[in-house]
């Protein structure tokens, strides 16, 4: 009998922890939680019990990603959910990024979800789901989070295209596109100014809506009216106008 499992990357922070909380209620034999920090992984296991399998891996490292593939080969589970939640985000000018930061952001936000999806699809069956945590920043170019926004645009586009490819297998791929989410990932102050995040939502709301949407077969999950309006606006307005609006909101922090 093959074990039915979920795999969650970035499981020890905000949205990842909420997905763990939700999926522990489902009929899954194991939930593989993946992050770098072993101590935080162990705390989640202590909180949710024996069905949690902590896996400490660095998703910037292709070797570590392939080792997850080896674990799948060895155990031959049914992967009910793959949730590519791990992400790197840094606000700031292009001048503030090191080569290593650029490379790591692309590796975690773009390379890792693609490799893990390809590794997991052979172990999926009808009704299995891939959720790639993208962002409302994927809808348009965003100066001063240009790398993050571009990487999330990649993730959204990849997810929607992959969803069409795997539809004959009965697998759903959903790009989850929240706006600002209240997690430790957000920079709370810039140059002495408290940052205002319009339309901010909780990680709980994002995760709950994402699970509902993927079960309905949607290729995109948008969790708030604010983001729905944003999605419509960027379809109607030229991107140069959208970027001007964005820059007007940023001006006091620069």
C-alpha atoms as a PDB file:
ATOM      1  CA  UNK A   1       0.000   0.000   0.000  1.00  0.00           C
ATOM      2  CA  UNK A   2       1.506   3.317  -1.078  1.00  0.00           C
ATOM      3  CA  UNK A   3       1.572   6.113   1.469  1.00  0.00           C
ATOM      4  CA  UNK A   4      -0.396   9.222   0.554  1.00  0.00           C
ATOM      5  CA  UNK A   5       1.658  12.312   1.319  1.00  0.00           C
ATOM      6  CA  UNK A   6       1.848  16.090   1.023  1.00  0.00           C
ATOM      7  CA  UNK A   7       5.097  17.995   0.476  1.00  0.00           C
ATOM      8  CA  UNK A   8       5.384  21.588   1.713  1.00  0.00           C
ATOM      9  CA  UNK A   9       8.475  23.728   1.130  1.00  0.00           C
ATOM     10  CA  UNK A  10       9.151  26.758   3.298  1.00  0.00           C
ATOM     11  CA  UNK A  11       7.040  24.965   5.866  1.00  0.00           C
ATOM     12  CA  UNK A  12       8.345  26.683   8.983  1.00  0.00           C
ATOM     13  CA  UNK A  13       7.162  30.225   8.158  1.00  0.00           C
ATOM     14  CA  UNK A  14       3.811  32.018   7.835  1.00  0.00           C
ATOM     15  CA  UNK A  15       1.937  30.520   4.894  1.00  0.00           C
ATOM     16  CA  UNK A  16       3.826  27.216   5.060  1.00  0.00           C
ATOM     17  CA  UNK A  17       2.807  26.656   8.682  1.00  0.00           C
ATOM     18  CA  UNK A  18      -0.819  27.408   7.784  1.00  0.00           C
ATOM     19  CA  UNK A  19      -0.739  24.800   5.017  1.00  0.00           C
ATOM     20  CA  UNK A  20       0.670  22.296   7.524  1.00  0.00           C
ATOM     21  CA  UNK A  21      -2.155  23.109   9.941  1.00  0.00           C
ATOM     22  CA  UNK A  22      -4.763  22.596   7.228  1.00  0.00           C
ATOM     23  CA  UNK A  23      -3.359  19.421   5.705  1.00  0.00           C
ATOM     24  CA  UNK A  24      -2.874  17.646   9.030  1.00  0.00           C
ATOM     25  CA  UNK A  25      -6.696  17.455   9.081  1.00  0.00           C
ATOM     26  CA  UNK A  26      -6.809  15.570   5.775  1.00  0.00           C
ATOM     27  CA  UNK A  27      -6.482  11.832   5.178  1.00  0.00           C
ATOM     28  CA  UNK A  28      -2.760  11.833   4.539  1.00  0.00           C
ATOM     29  CA  UNK A  29      -0.261   9.311   5.869  1.00  0.00           C
ATOM     30  CA  UNK A  30       2.597  11.793   6.011  1.00  0.00           C
ATOM     31  CA  UNK A  31       3.340  15.463   5.465  1.00  0.00           C
ATOM     32  CA  UNK A  32       6.901  16.099   4.370  1.00  0.00           C
ATOM     33  CA  UNK A  33       7.882  19.550   5.588  1.00  0.00           C
ATOM     34  CA  UNK A  34      10.960  21.031   3.944  1.00  0.00           C
ATOM     35  CA  UNK A  35      13.060  23.963   5.145  1.00  0.00           C
ATOM     36  CA  UNK A  36      16.668  24.685   6.066  1.00  0.00           C
ATOM     37  CA  UNK A  37      16.231  25.172   9.815  1.00  0.00           C
ATOM     38  CA  UNK A  38      16.147  21.753  11.499  1.00  0.00           C
ATOM     39  CA  UNK A  39      15.192  23.205  14.878  1.00  0.00           C
ATOM     40  CA  UNK A  40      12.070  24.887  13.466  1.00  0.00           C
ATOM     41  CA  UNK A  41      11.166  21.714  11.557  1.00  0.00           C
ATOM     42  CA  UNK A  42      11.406  19.699  14.769  1.00  0.00           C
ATOM     43  CA  UNK A  43       9.151  22.184  16.570  1.00  0.00           C
ATOM     44  CA  UNK A  44       6.469  21.648  13.900  1.00  0.00           C
ATOM     45  CA  UNK A  45       6.786  17.895  14.263  1.00  0.00           C
ATOM     46  CA  UNK A  46       6.399  18.219  18.046  1.00  0.00           C
ATOM     47  CA  UNK A  47       3.294  20.357  17.509  1.00  0.00           C
ATOM     48  CA  UNK A  48       1.533  18.170  14.943  1.00  0.00           C
ATOM     49  CA  UNK A  49       2.785  14.660  15.663  1.00  0.00           C
ATOM     50  CA  UNK A  50       4.159  11.577  13.998  1.00  0.00           C
ATOM     51  CA  UNK A  51       2.678  12.164  10.556  1.00  0.00           C
ATOM     52  CA  UNK A  52       5.036  15.114  10.119  1.00  0.00           C
ATOM     53  CA  UNK A  53       8.320  14.187   8.402  1.00  0.00           C
ATOM     54  CA  UNK A  54      10.920  16.975   8.764  1.00  0.00           C
ATOM     55  CA  UNK A  55      13.369  17.234   5.854  1.00  0.00           C
ATOM     56  CA  UNK A  56      16.179  19.777   6.134  1.00  0.00           C
ATOM     57  CA  UNK A  57      17.240  20.859   2.637  1.00  0.00           C
ATOM     58  CA  UNK A  58      18.636  23.982   0.981  1.00  0.00           C
ATOM     59  CA  UNK A  59      16.458  24.685  -2.053  1.00  0.00           C
ATOM     60  CA  UNK A  60      19.113  26.895  -3.620  1.00  0.00           C
ATOM     61  CA  UNK A  61      21.166  23.721  -4.059  1.00  0.00           C
ATOM     62  CA  UNK A  62      20.331  21.437  -7.011  1.00  0.00           C
ATOM     63  CA  UNK A  63      21.944  18.486  -5.186  1.00  0.00           C
ATOM     64  CA  UNK A  64      19.516  18.891  -2.272  1.00  0.00           C
ATOM     65  CA  UNK A  65      16.572  19.056  -4.684  1.00  0.00           C
ATOM     66  CA  UNK A  66      17.708  15.818  -6.330  1.00  0.00           C
ATOM     67  CA  UNK A  67      17.984  14.188  -2.900  1.00  0.00           C
ATOM     68  CA  UNK A  68      14.250  14.856  -2.442  1.00  0.00           C
ATOM     69  CA  UNK A  69      13.753  12.997  -5.727  1.00  0.00           C
ATOM     70  CA  UNK A  70      15.764  10.088  -4.300  1.00  0.00           C
ATOM     71  CA  UNK A  71      13.490  10.015  -1.239  1.00  0.00           C
ATOM     72  CA  UNK A  72      10.502   9.736  -3.584  1.00  0.00           C
ATOM     73  CA  UNK A  73      12.179   6.891  -5.484  1.00  0.00           C
ATOM     74  CA  UNK A  74      12.885   5.031  -2.265  1.00  0.00           C
ATOM     75  CA  UNK A  75       9.415   5.399  -0.711  1.00  0.00           C
ATOM     76  CA  UNK A  76       7.246   5.486  -3.880  1.00  0.00           C
ATOM     77  CA  UNK A  77       4.388   7.426  -2.246  1.00  0.00           C
ATOM     78  CA  UNK A  78       1.302   8.960  -3.798  1.00  0.00           C
ATOM     79  CA  UNK A  79       1.905  12.704  -3.733  1.00  0.00           C
ATOM     80  CA  UNK A  80      -1.507  14.219  -3.058  1.00  0.00           C
ATOM     81  CA  UNK A  81      -0.194  17.773  -2.622  1.00  0.00           C
ATOM     82  CA  UNK A  82       2.997  19.537  -3.597  1.00  0.00           C
ATOM     83  CA  UNK A  83       3.045  23.041  -2.154  1.00  0.00           C
ATOM     84  CA  UNK A  84       5.956  25.114  -3.432  1.00  0.00           C
ATOM     85  CA  UNK A  85       5.811  27.814  -0.792  1.00  0.00           C
ATOM     86  CA  UNK A  86       9.509  28.570  -0.159  1.00  0.00           C
ATOM     87  CA  UNK A  87      10.411  32.019  -1.415  1.00  0.00           C
ATOM     88  CA  UNK A  88      13.021  34.746  -1.128  1.00  0.00           C
ATOM     89  CA  UNK A  89      11.970  38.391  -1.239  1.00  0.00           C
ATOM     90  CA  UNK A  90      14.046  41.519  -0.803  1.00  0.00           C
ATOM     91  CA  UNK A  91      12.872  45.082  -1.220  1.00  0.00           C
ATOM     92  CA  UNK A  92      15.378  47.575  -2.523  1.00  0.00           C
ATOM     93  CA  UNK A  93      17.239  49.014  -5.452  1.00  0.00           C
ATOM     94  CA  UNK A  94      19.039  46.742  -7.905  1.00  0.00           C
ATOM     95  CA  UNK A  95      22.257  48.294  -6.501  1.00  0.00           C
ATOM     96  CA  UNK A  96      21.640  46.625  -3.127  1.00  0.00           C
ATOM     97  CA  UNK A  97      21.700  43.046  -4.444  1.00  0.00           C
ATOM     98  CA  UNK A  98      24.790  40.866  -4.382  1.00  0.00           C
ATOM     99  CA  UNK A  99      25.359  38.274  -7.099  1.00  0.00           C
ATOM    100  CA  UNK A 100      24.682  35.561  -4.509  1.00  0.00           C
ATOM    101  CA  UNK A 101      21.334  37.134  -3.522  1.00  0.00           C
ATOM    102  CA  UNK A 102      20.268  37.354  -7.164  1.00  0.00           C
ATOM    103  CA  UNK A 103      21.222  33.749  -7.809  1.00  0.00           C
ATOM    104  CA  UNK A 104      19.568  32.439  -4.649  1.00  0.00           C
ATOM    105  CA  UNK A 105      16.309  34.300  -5.353  1.00  0.00           C
ATOM    106  CA  UNK A 106      16.059  32.839  -8.848  1.00  0.00           C
ATOM    107  CA  UNK A 107      16.981  29.368  -7.584  1.00  0.00           C
ATOM    108  CA  UNK A 108      14.373  29.300  -4.812  1.00  0.00           C
ATOM    109  CA  UNK A 109      11.553  31.185  -6.566  1.00  0.00           C
ATOM    110  CA  UNK A 110      11.935  29.721 -10.069  1.00  0.00           C
ATOM    111  CA  UNK A 111      14.221  26.701 -10.293  1.00  0.00           C
ATOM    112  CA  UNK A 112      13.082  24.812  -7.191  1.00  0.00           C
ATOM    113  CA  UNK A 113       9.313  24.784  -7.996  1.00  0.00           C
ATOM    114  CA  UNK A 114       9.990  23.510 -11.526  1.00  0.00           C
ATOM    115  CA  UNK A 115      12.372  20.756 -10.445  1.00  0.00           C
ATOM    116  CA  UNK A 116      10.135  19.634  -7.576  1.00  0.00           C
ATOM    117  CA  UNK A 117       7.066  19.615  -9.830  1.00  0.00           C
ATOM    118  CA  UNK A 118       8.865  17.406 -12.356  1.00  0.00           C
ATOM    119  CA  UNK A 119      10.084  15.101  -9.597  1.00  0.00           C
ATOM    120  CA  UNK A 120       6.623  14.758  -8.022  1.00  0.00           C
ATOM    121  CA  UNK A 121       4.297  14.449 -11.049  1.00  0.00           C
ATOM    122  CA  UNK A 122       5.253  10.790 -11.715  1.00  0.00           C
ATOM    123  CA  UNK A 123       4.033  10.012  -8.171  1.00  0.00           C
ATOM    124  CA  UNK A 124       0.743  11.869  -8.530  1.00  0.00           C
ATOM    125  CA  UNK A 125      -2.657  10.486  -9.449  1.00  0.00           C
ATOM    126  CA  UNK A 126      -6.045  11.859 -10.428  1.00  0.00           C
ATOM    127  CA  UNK A 127      -7.039  14.480  -7.848  1.00  0.00           C
ATOM    128  CA  UNK A 128      -3.474  15.417  -6.902  1.00  0.00           C
ATOM    129  CA  UNK A 129      -2.613  19.116  -6.686  1.00  0.00           C
ATOM    130  CA  UNK A 130       0.411  21.362  -7.113  1.00  0.00           C
ATOM    131  CA  UNK A 131       0.162  24.787  -5.480  1.00  0.00           C
ATOM    132  CA  UNK A 132       2.847  27.289  -6.404  1.00  0.00           C
ATOM    133  CA  UNK A 133       2.802  30.325  -4.136  1.00  0.00           C
ATOM    134  CA  UNK A 134       3.196  33.211  -6.539  1.00  0.00           C
ATOM    135  CA  UNK A 135       2.058  36.771  -5.785  1.00  0.00           C
ATOM    136  CA  UNK A 136      -0.081  39.670  -6.963  1.00  0.00           C
ATOM    137  CA  UNK A 137       3.325  41.159  -7.849  1.00  0.00           C
ATOM    138  CA  UNK A 138       3.262  38.724 -10.769  1.00  0.00           C
ATOM    139  CA  UNK A 139       0.584  40.833 -12.487  1.00  0.00           C
ATOM    140  CA  UNK A 140       2.859  43.740 -13.427  1.00  0.00           C
ATOM    141  CA  UNK A 141       6.487  44.992 -13.212  1.00  0.00           C
ATOM    142  CA  UNK A 142       7.277  46.440  -9.786  1.00  0.00           C
ATOM    143  CA  UNK A 143      10.319  48.715  -9.370  1.00  0.00           C
ATOM    144  CA  UNK A 144      12.306  48.177  -6.156  1.00  0.00           C
ATOM    145  CA  UNK A 145      11.031  44.605  -5.894  1.00  0.00           C
ATOM    146  CA  UNK A 146      11.853  43.982  -9.540  1.00  0.00           C
ATOM    147  CA  UNK A 147      13.566  40.600  -9.092  1.00  0.00           C
ATOM    148  CA  UNK A 148      10.914  39.247  -6.736  1.00  0.00           C
ATOM    149  CA  UNK A 149       8.054  40.406  -8.994  1.00  0.00           C
ATOM    150  CA  UNK A 150       9.701  38.980 -12.101  1.00  0.00           C
ATOM    151  CA  UNK A 151      10.344  35.631 -10.414  1.00  0.00           C
ATOM    152  CA  UNK A 152       6.704  35.450  -9.302  1.00  0.00           C
ATOM    153  CA  UNK A 153       5.540  36.293 -12.840  1.00  0.00           C
ATOM    154  CA  UNK A 154       7.598  33.316 -13.993  1.00  0.00           C
ATOM    155  CA  UNK A 155       6.001  31.105 -11.342  1.00  0.00           C
ATOM    156  CA  UNK A 156       2.475  32.195 -12.253  1.00  0.00           C
ATOM    157  CA  UNK A 157       3.010  31.703 -15.990  1.00  0.00           C
ATOM    158  CA  UNK A 158       4.698  28.334 -15.468  1.00  0.00           C
ATOM    159  CA  UNK A 159       1.900  27.130 -13.185  1.00  0.00           C
ATOM    160  CA  UNK A 160      -0.922  28.019 -15.546  1.00  0.00           C
ATOM    161  CA  UNK A 161       0.819  26.441 -18.534  1.00  0.00           C
ATOM    162  CA  UNK A 162       1.715  23.284 -16.583  1.00  0.00           C
ATOM    163  CA  UNK A 163      -1.909  23.027 -15.453  1.00  0.00           C
ATOM    164  CA  UNK A 164      -2.957  22.582 -19.090  1.00  0.00           C
ATOM    165  CA  UNK A 165      -0.284  19.943 -19.692  1.00  0.00           C
ATOM    166  CA  UNK A 166      -1.206  17.766 -16.702  1.00  0.00           C
ATOM    167  CA  UNK A 167      -4.988  18.197 -16.956  1.00  0.00           C
ATOM    168  CA  UNK A 168      -5.320  14.875 -18.864  1.00  0.00           C
ATOM    169  CA  UNK A 169      -3.744  13.178 -15.819  1.00  0.00           C
ATOM    170  CA  UNK A 170      -6.381  14.690 -13.506  1.00  0.00           C
ATOM    171  CA  UNK A 171      -3.779  16.855 -11.747  1.00  0.00           C
ATOM    172  CA  UNK A 172      -4.467  20.512 -10.918  1.00  0.00           C
ATOM    173  CA  UNK A 173      -1.754  23.172 -10.789  1.00  0.00           C
ATOM    174  CA  UNK A 174      -2.738  26.410  -9.050  1.00  0.00           C
ATOM    175  CA  UNK A 175      -0.805  29.673  -8.921  1.00  0.00           C
ATOM    176  CA  UNK A 176      -1.607  31.273  -5.568  1.00  0.00           C
ATOM    177  CA  UNK A 177      -1.457  35.076  -5.941  1.00  0.00           C
ATOM    178  CA  UNK A 178      -1.910  36.990  -2.685  1.00  0.00           C
ATOM    179  CA  UNK A 179      -0.967  40.600  -2.184  1.00  0.00           C
ATOM    180  CA  UNK A 180       0.742  41.582   1.077  1.00  0.00           C
ATOM    181  CA  UNK A 181       0.617  38.774   3.646  1.00  0.00           C
ATOM    182  CA  UNK A 182       1.176  39.470   7.333  1.00  0.00           C
ATOM    183  CA  UNK A 183       4.304  37.378   7.953  1.00  0.00           C
ATOM    184  CA  UNK A 184       7.831  37.911   9.258  1.00  0.00           C
ATOM    185  CA  UNK A 185       8.974  38.122   5.630  1.00  0.00           C
ATOM    186  CA  UNK A 186       7.720  41.713   5.298  1.00  0.00           C
ATOM    187  CA  UNK A 187       9.992  44.678   5.924  1.00  0.00           C
ATOM    188  CA  UNK A 188       8.054  46.707   8.497  1.00  0.00           C
ATOM    189  CA  UNK A 189      10.054  49.966   8.388  1.00  0.00           C
ATOM    190  CA  UNK A 190      12.140  51.688   5.683  1.00  0.00           C
ATOM    191  CA  UNK A 191      14.295  54.759   6.357  1.00  0.00           C
ATOM    192  CA  UNK A 192      12.471  55.382   9.627  1.00  0.00           C
ATOM    193  CA  UNK A 193       9.007  55.189   8.035  1.00  0.00           C
ATOM    194  CA  UNK A 194       6.509  52.545   9.059  1.00  0.00           C
ATOM    195  CA  UNK A 195       5.509  50.765   5.856  1.00  0.00           C
ATOM    196  CA  UNK A 196       1.838  50.737   4.918  1.00  0.00           C
ATOM    197  CA  UNK A 197       0.704  47.542   3.210  1.00  0.00           C
ATOM    198  CA  UNK A 198      -2.676  48.067   1.514  1.00  0.00           C
ATOM    199  CA  UNK A 199      -4.939  45.030   1.328  1.00  0.00           C
ATOM    200  CA  UNK A 200      -2.875  43.005   3.804  1.00  0.00           C
ATOM    201  CA  UNK A 201      -4.303  39.564   4.643  1.00  0.00           C
ATOM    202  CA  UNK A 202      -3.389  36.781   7.043  1.00  0.00           C
ATOM    203  CA  UNK A 203      -1.450  33.684   6.045  1.00  0.00           C
ATOM    204  CA  UNK A 204      -4.423  31.653   7.279  1.00  0.00           C
ATOM    205  CA  UNK A 205      -6.765  33.300   4.780  1.00  0.00           C
ATOM    206  CA  UNK A 206      -4.330  32.736   1.886  1.00  0.00           C
ATOM    207  CA  UNK A 207      -3.844  29.043   2.688  1.00  0.00           C
ATOM    208  CA  UNK A 208      -7.529  28.292   3.241  1.00  0.00           C
ATOM    209  CA  UNK A 209      -8.573  29.979  -0.019  1.00  0.00           C
ATOM    210  CA  UNK A 210      -5.771  28.260  -1.928  1.00  0.00           C
ATOM    211  CA  UNK A 211      -6.846  24.777  -0.804  1.00  0.00           C
ATOM    212  CA  UNK A 212     -10.477  25.526  -1.697  1.00  0.00           C
ATOM    213  CA  UNK A 213      -9.528  26.864  -5.127  1.00  0.00           C
ATOM    214  CA  UNK A 214      -7.216  24.006  -6.065  1.00  0.00           C
ATOM    215  CA  UNK A 215      -9.899  21.475  -5.085  1.00  0.00           C
ATOM    216  CA  UNK A 216     -12.242  23.310  -7.475  1.00  0.00           C
ATOM    217  CA  UNK A 217      -9.670  22.884 -10.260  1.00  0.00           C
ATOM    218  CA  UNK A 218      -8.775  26.588 -10.539  1.00  0.00           C
ATOM    219  CA  UNK A 219      -5.438  27.495 -12.104  1.00  0.00           C
ATOM    220  CA  UNK A 220      -5.196  30.683 -10.033  1.00  0.00           C
ATOM    221  CA  UNK A 221      -6.173  31.532  -6.464  1.00  0.00           C
ATOM    222  CA  UNK A 222      -6.897  35.153  -5.512  1.00  0.00           C
ATOM    223  CA  UNK A 223      -7.856  35.542  -1.874  1.00  0.00           C
ATOM    224  CA  UNK A 224      -9.215  39.067  -1.508  1.00  0.00           C
ATOM    225  CA  UNK A 225     -11.331  41.724  -3.219  1.00  0.00           C
ATOM    226  CA  UNK A 226      -8.299  44.040  -3.148  1.00  0.00           C
ATOM    227  CA  UNK A 227      -6.264  41.643  -5.308  1.00  0.00           C
ATOM    228  CA  UNK A 228      -9.202  40.953  -7.627  1.00  0.00           C
ATOM    229  CA  UNK A 229      -9.468  44.699  -8.294  1.00  0.00           C
ATOM    230  CA  UNK A 230      -5.715  44.912  -8.771  1.00  0.00           C
ATOM    231  CA  UNK A 231      -5.853  42.061 -11.280  1.00  0.00           C
ATOM    232  CA  UNK A 232      -8.553  43.854 -13.275  1.00  0.00           C
ATOM    233  CA  UNK A 233      -6.717  47.208 -13.133  1.00  0.00           C
ATOM    234  CA  UNK A 234      -3.496  45.828 -14.587  1.00  0.00           C
ATOM    235  CA  UNK A 235      -5.479  44.368 -17.487  1.00  0.00           C
ATOM    236  CA  UNK A 236      -7.098  47.715 -18.244  1.00  0.00           C
ATOM    237  CA  UNK A 237      -4.214  50.129 -17.632  1.00  0.00           C
ATOM    238  CA  UNK A 238      -0.884  50.286 -19.490  1.00  0.00           C
ATOM    239  CA  UNK A 239       1.945  48.983 -17.329  1.00  0.00           C
ATOM    240  CA  UNK A 240       3.740  52.339 -17.434  1.00  0.00           C
ATOM    241  CA  UNK A 241       0.714  53.884 -15.663  1.00  0.00           C
ATOM    242  CA  UNK A 242       0.555  51.021 -13.164  1.00  0.00           C
ATOM    243  CA  UNK A 243       4.245  51.530 -12.377  1.00  0.00           C
ATOM    244  CA  UNK A 244       3.697  55.276 -11.861  1.00  0.00           C
ATOM    245  CA  UNK A 245       0.950  54.516  -9.339  1.00  0.00           C
ATOM    246  CA  UNK A 246       3.259  52.012  -7.640  1.00  0.00           C
ATOM    247  CA  UNK A 247       6.096  54.553  -7.489  1.00  0.00           C
ATOM    248  CA  UNK A 248       3.810  57.226  -6.011  1.00  0.00           C
ATOM    249  CA  UNK A 249       3.126  54.836  -3.136  1.00  0.00           C
ATOM    250  CA  UNK A 250       6.834  54.144  -2.657  1.00  0.00           C
ATOM    251  CA  UNK A 251       8.162  57.674  -2.923  1.00  0.00           C
ATOM    252  CA  UNK A 252       8.260  58.516   0.785  1.00  0.00           C
ATOM    253  CA  UNK A 253      10.303  55.396   1.551  1.00  0.00           C
ATOM    254  CA  UNK A 254      13.052  56.082  -1.004  1.00  0.00           C
END
